[in-house]
């Protein structure tokens, strides 16, 4: 089954695409550890991923790469979406930080750029701002 077949609404489509990319990142080093599984379970809950979608994404033969956008604003938009998801519980833990860095690099940021964007984003997301303000703050 193609991952696109699982999508319903455009918001759910983005959530499922994020989840699929995160699951692929978590499994990149082989088996998914219990900590990674726990984190994926939390993301699935935050993203409203159904049990059927979760099972489909987690099949060993299914790997969903991050499809990096070609411009920086689209990359920031994807990272912004993920930060909104992570901060939905007003908390970010170490595993989420590591996954964020992997995701940012997968989106096309260098390691150094990823660190800077994540550091600024964590500071920004400690309060709640709109996407346009987020873009402005990260670019300046």
C-alpha atoms as a PDB file:
ATOM      1  CA  UNK A   1       0.000   0.000   0.000  1.00  0.00           C
ATOM      2  CA  UNK A   2       1.327   3.425  -0.893  1.00  0.00           C
ATOM      3  CA  UNK A   3       1.569   5.903   1.963  1.00  0.00           C
ATOM      4  CA  UNK A   4      -0.487   8.385  -0.098  1.00  0.00           C
ATOM      5  CA  UNK A   5      -3.402   5.930   0.046  1.00  0.00           C
ATOM      6  CA  UNK A   6      -3.534   6.469   3.806  1.00  0.00           C
ATOM      7  CA  UNK A   7      -3.979  10.222   3.589  1.00  0.00           C
ATOM      8  CA  UNK A   8      -7.375  11.828   4.036  1.00  0.00           C
ATOM      9  CA  UNK A   9      -7.282  15.568   4.778  1.00  0.00           C
ATOM     10  CA  UNK A  10      -4.371  17.807   3.845  1.00  0.00           C
ATOM     11  CA  UNK A  11      -3.533  18.414   7.522  1.00  0.00           C
ATOM     12  CA  UNK A  12      -3.674  14.714   8.269  1.00  0.00           C
ATOM     13  CA  UNK A  13      -1.636  14.105   5.121  1.00  0.00           C
ATOM     14  CA  UNK A  14       1.137  16.360   6.463  1.00  0.00           C
ATOM     15  CA  UNK A  15       0.928  14.765   9.901  1.00  0.00           C
ATOM     16  CA  UNK A  16       1.213  11.285   8.440  1.00  0.00           C
ATOM     17  CA  UNK A  17       4.113  12.342   6.205  1.00  0.00           C
ATOM     18  CA  UNK A  18       5.900  13.797   9.237  1.00  0.00           C
ATOM     19  CA  UNK A  19       5.265  10.640  11.229  1.00  0.00           C
ATOM     20  CA  UNK A  20       6.470   8.393   8.399  1.00  0.00           C
ATOM     21  CA  UNK A  21       9.685  10.407   8.031  1.00  0.00           C
ATOM     22  CA  UNK A  22      10.246  10.318  11.802  1.00  0.00           C
ATOM     23  CA  UNK A  23       9.705   6.557  11.879  1.00  0.00           C
ATOM     24  CA  UNK A  24      12.240   6.150   9.089  1.00  0.00           C
ATOM     25  CA  UNK A  25      14.733   8.330  10.971  1.00  0.00           C
ATOM     26  CA  UNK A  26      14.211   6.332  14.151  1.00  0.00           C
ATOM     27  CA  UNK A  27      14.892   3.084  12.322  1.00  0.00           C
ATOM     28  CA  UNK A  28      17.860   4.342  10.333  1.00  0.00           C
ATOM     29  CA  UNK A  29      20.369   2.656  12.631  1.00  0.00           C
ATOM     30  CA  UNK A  30      18.641  -0.730  12.453  1.00  0.00           C
ATOM     31  CA  UNK A  31      16.139  -1.755  15.092  1.00  0.00           C
ATOM     32  CA  UNK A  32      13.925   0.758  16.825  1.00  0.00           C
ATOM     33  CA  UNK A  33      14.862   0.898  20.506  1.00  0.00           C
ATOM     34  CA  UNK A  34      12.237   0.925  23.245  1.00  0.00           C
ATOM     35  CA  UNK A  35      12.957   4.649  23.809  1.00  0.00           C
ATOM     36  CA  UNK A  36      12.456   5.377  20.107  1.00  0.00           C
ATOM     37  CA  UNK A  37       9.270   3.282  20.083  1.00  0.00           C
ATOM     38  CA  UNK A  38       7.962   5.212  23.076  1.00  0.00           C
ATOM     39  CA  UNK A  39       8.743   8.498  21.344  1.00  0.00           C
ATOM     40  CA  UNK A  40       7.061   7.344  18.120  1.00  0.00           C
ATOM     41  CA  UNK A  41       4.014   6.326  20.148  1.00  0.00           C
ATOM     42  CA  UNK A  42       3.864   9.853  21.606  1.00  0.00           C
ATOM     43  CA  UNK A  43       4.213  11.392  18.145  1.00  0.00           C
ATOM     44  CA  UNK A  44       1.510   9.092  16.779  1.00  0.00           C
ATOM     45  CA  UNK A  45      -0.815  10.276  19.517  1.00  0.00           C
ATOM     46  CA  UNK A  46       0.045  13.955  18.965  1.00  0.00           C
ATOM     47  CA  UNK A  47      -0.429  13.567  15.200  1.00  0.00           C
ATOM     48  CA  UNK A  48      -3.695  11.602  15.416  1.00  0.00           C
ATOM     49  CA  UNK A  49      -2.191   8.624  13.598  1.00  0.00           C
ATOM     50  CA  UNK A  50      -4.577   5.682  13.598  1.00  0.00           C
ATOM     51  CA  UNK A  51      -3.499   2.210  14.614  1.00  0.00           C
ATOM     52  CA  UNK A  52      -3.809   1.023  10.985  1.00  0.00           C
ATOM     53  CA  UNK A  53      -1.671   3.926   9.745  1.00  0.00           C
ATOM     54  CA  UNK A  54       0.875   3.287  12.485  1.00  0.00           C
ATOM     55  CA  UNK A  55       1.142  -0.392  11.548  1.00  0.00           C
ATOM     56  CA  UNK A  56       1.491   0.435   7.846  1.00  0.00           C
ATOM     57  CA  UNK A  57       4.243   2.983   8.460  1.00  0.00           C
ATOM     58  CA  UNK A  58       6.105   0.649  10.808  1.00  0.00           C
ATOM     59  CA  UNK A  59       6.285  -2.280   8.378  1.00  0.00           C
ATOM     60  CA  UNK A  60       9.912  -3.207   7.877  1.00  0.00           C
ATOM     61  CA  UNK A  61       9.687  -2.867   4.091  1.00  0.00           C
ATOM     62  CA  UNK A  62       8.239   0.651   4.292  1.00  0.00           C
ATOM     63  CA  UNK A  63      10.778   3.430   4.445  1.00  0.00           C
ATOM     64  CA  UNK A  64       9.600   6.979   3.885  1.00  0.00           C
ATOM     65  CA  UNK A  65      12.418   9.415   3.246  1.00  0.00           C
ATOM     66  CA  UNK A  66      12.184  13.072   4.029  1.00  0.00           C
ATOM     67  CA  UNK A  67      11.443  14.871   0.779  1.00  0.00           C
ATOM     68  CA  UNK A  68      13.397  18.094   1.347  1.00  0.00           C
ATOM     69  CA  UNK A  69      11.857  21.235  -0.122  1.00  0.00           C
ATOM     70  CA  UNK A  70      14.008  23.280  -2.468  1.00  0.00           C
ATOM     71  CA  UNK A  71      13.635  26.602  -0.694  1.00  0.00           C
ATOM     72  CA  UNK A  72      14.457  27.637   2.840  1.00  0.00           C
ATOM     73  CA  UNK A  73      10.987  28.930   3.694  1.00  0.00           C
ATOM     74  CA  UNK A  74       9.397  25.530   2.915  1.00  0.00           C
ATOM     75  CA  UNK A  75      12.101  23.771   4.999  1.00  0.00           C
ATOM     76  CA  UNK A  76      11.356  26.125   7.881  1.00  0.00           C
ATOM     77  CA  UNK A  77       7.634  25.493   7.451  1.00  0.00           C
ATOM     78  CA  UNK A  78       8.164  21.742   7.834  1.00  0.00           C
ATOM     79  CA  UNK A  79      10.355  22.280  10.884  1.00  0.00           C
ATOM     80  CA  UNK A  80       7.755  24.680  12.277  1.00  0.00           C
ATOM     81  CA  UNK A  81       5.064  22.003  11.859  1.00  0.00           C
ATOM     82  CA  UNK A  82       7.189  19.535  13.780  1.00  0.00           C
ATOM     83  CA  UNK A  83       7.899  22.030  16.558  1.00  0.00           C
ATOM     84  CA  UNK A  84       4.170  22.707  16.911  1.00  0.00           C
ATOM     85  CA  UNK A  85       3.625  18.980  17.306  1.00  0.00           C
ATOM     86  CA  UNK A  86       6.445  18.507  19.795  1.00  0.00           C
ATOM     87  CA  UNK A  87       5.422  21.507  21.879  1.00  0.00           C
ATOM     88  CA  UNK A  88       1.763  20.506  21.960  1.00  0.00           C
ATOM     89  CA  UNK A  89       2.474  19.103  25.426  1.00  0.00           C
ATOM     90  CA  UNK A  90       4.611  22.173  26.354  1.00  0.00           C
ATOM     91  CA  UNK A  91       7.654  19.956  26.827  1.00  0.00           C
ATOM     92  CA  UNK A  92      10.616  18.818  24.738  1.00  0.00           C
ATOM     93  CA  UNK A  93      12.831  15.973  25.857  1.00  0.00           C
ATOM     94  CA  UNK A  94      16.289  14.817  24.812  1.00  0.00           C
ATOM     95  CA  UNK A  95      15.042  12.154  22.370  1.00  0.00           C
ATOM     96  CA  UNK A  96      12.826  14.717  20.652  1.00  0.00           C
ATOM     97  CA  UNK A  97      15.803  17.096  20.385  1.00  0.00           C
ATOM     98  CA  UNK A  98      17.923  14.398  18.731  1.00  0.00           C
ATOM     99  CA  UNK A  99      15.142  13.543  16.330  1.00  0.00           C
ATOM    100  CA  UNK A 100      14.629  17.229  15.531  1.00  0.00           C
ATOM    101  CA  UNK A 101      18.282  17.549  14.571  1.00  0.00           C
ATOM    102  CA  UNK A 102      18.117  14.475  12.339  1.00  0.00           C
ATOM    103  CA  UNK A 103      14.944  15.830  10.761  1.00  0.00           C
ATOM    104  CA  UNK A 104      16.450  19.287  10.205  1.00  0.00           C
ATOM    105  CA  UNK A 105      19.504  17.757   8.542  1.00  0.00           C
ATOM    106  CA  UNK A 106      17.203  15.568   6.452  1.00  0.00           C
ATOM    107  CA  UNK A 107      15.396  18.736   5.346  1.00  0.00           C
ATOM    108  CA  UNK A 108      18.681  20.122   4.018  1.00  0.00           C
ATOM    109  CA  UNK A 109      20.161  22.121   6.891  1.00  0.00           C
ATOM    110  CA  UNK A 110      23.832  21.599   7.740  1.00  0.00           C
ATOM    111  CA  UNK A 111      24.580  20.348  11.256  1.00  0.00           C
ATOM    112  CA  UNK A 112      25.562  23.847  12.354  1.00  0.00           C
ATOM    113  CA  UNK A 113      22.473  25.427  10.773  1.00  0.00           C
ATOM    114  CA  UNK A 114      20.278  22.756  12.359  1.00  0.00           C
ATOM    115  CA  UNK A 115      21.707  23.500  15.808  1.00  0.00           C
ATOM    116  CA  UNK A 116      21.079  27.241  15.399  1.00  0.00           C
ATOM    117  CA  UNK A 117      17.553  26.851  14.030  1.00  0.00           C
ATOM    118  CA  UNK A 118      16.628  24.353  16.742  1.00  0.00           C
ATOM    119  CA  UNK A 119      18.092  26.526  19.499  1.00  0.00           C
ATOM    120  CA  UNK A 120      16.175  29.578  18.266  1.00  0.00           C
ATOM    121  CA  UNK A 121      13.022  27.536  17.725  1.00  0.00           C
ATOM    122  CA  UNK A 122      13.056  26.101  21.229  1.00  0.00           C
ATOM    123  CA  UNK A 123      13.357  29.628  22.622  1.00  0.00           C
ATOM    124  CA  UNK A 124      10.568  30.836  20.347  1.00  0.00           C
ATOM    125  CA  UNK A 125       8.267  27.904  21.045  1.00  0.00           C
ATOM    126  CA  UNK A 126       8.533  28.379  24.748  1.00  0.00           C
ATOM    127  CA  UNK A 127       6.002  31.105  23.925  1.00  0.00           C
ATOM    128  CA  UNK A 128       3.459  30.738  21.144  1.00  0.00           C
ATOM    129  CA  UNK A 129       3.926  32.653  17.911  1.00  0.00           C
ATOM    130  CA  UNK A 130       2.514  32.595  14.389  1.00  0.00           C
ATOM    131  CA  UNK A 131       4.434  31.129  11.444  1.00  0.00           C
ATOM    132  CA  UNK A 132       5.187  34.557   9.878  1.00  0.00           C
ATOM    133  CA  UNK A 133       6.787  35.700  13.147  1.00  0.00           C
ATOM    134  CA  UNK A 134       8.711  32.417  13.320  1.00  0.00           C
ATOM    135  CA  UNK A 135      10.141  32.964   9.808  1.00  0.00           C
ATOM    136  CA  UNK A 136      11.066  36.551  10.638  1.00  0.00           C
ATOM    137  CA  UNK A 137      12.837  35.615  13.868  1.00  0.00           C
ATOM    138  CA  UNK A 138      14.819  32.795  12.301  1.00  0.00           C
ATOM    139  CA  UNK A 139      15.940  34.890   9.345  1.00  0.00           C
ATOM    140  CA  UNK A 140      17.133  37.828  11.465  1.00  0.00           C
END
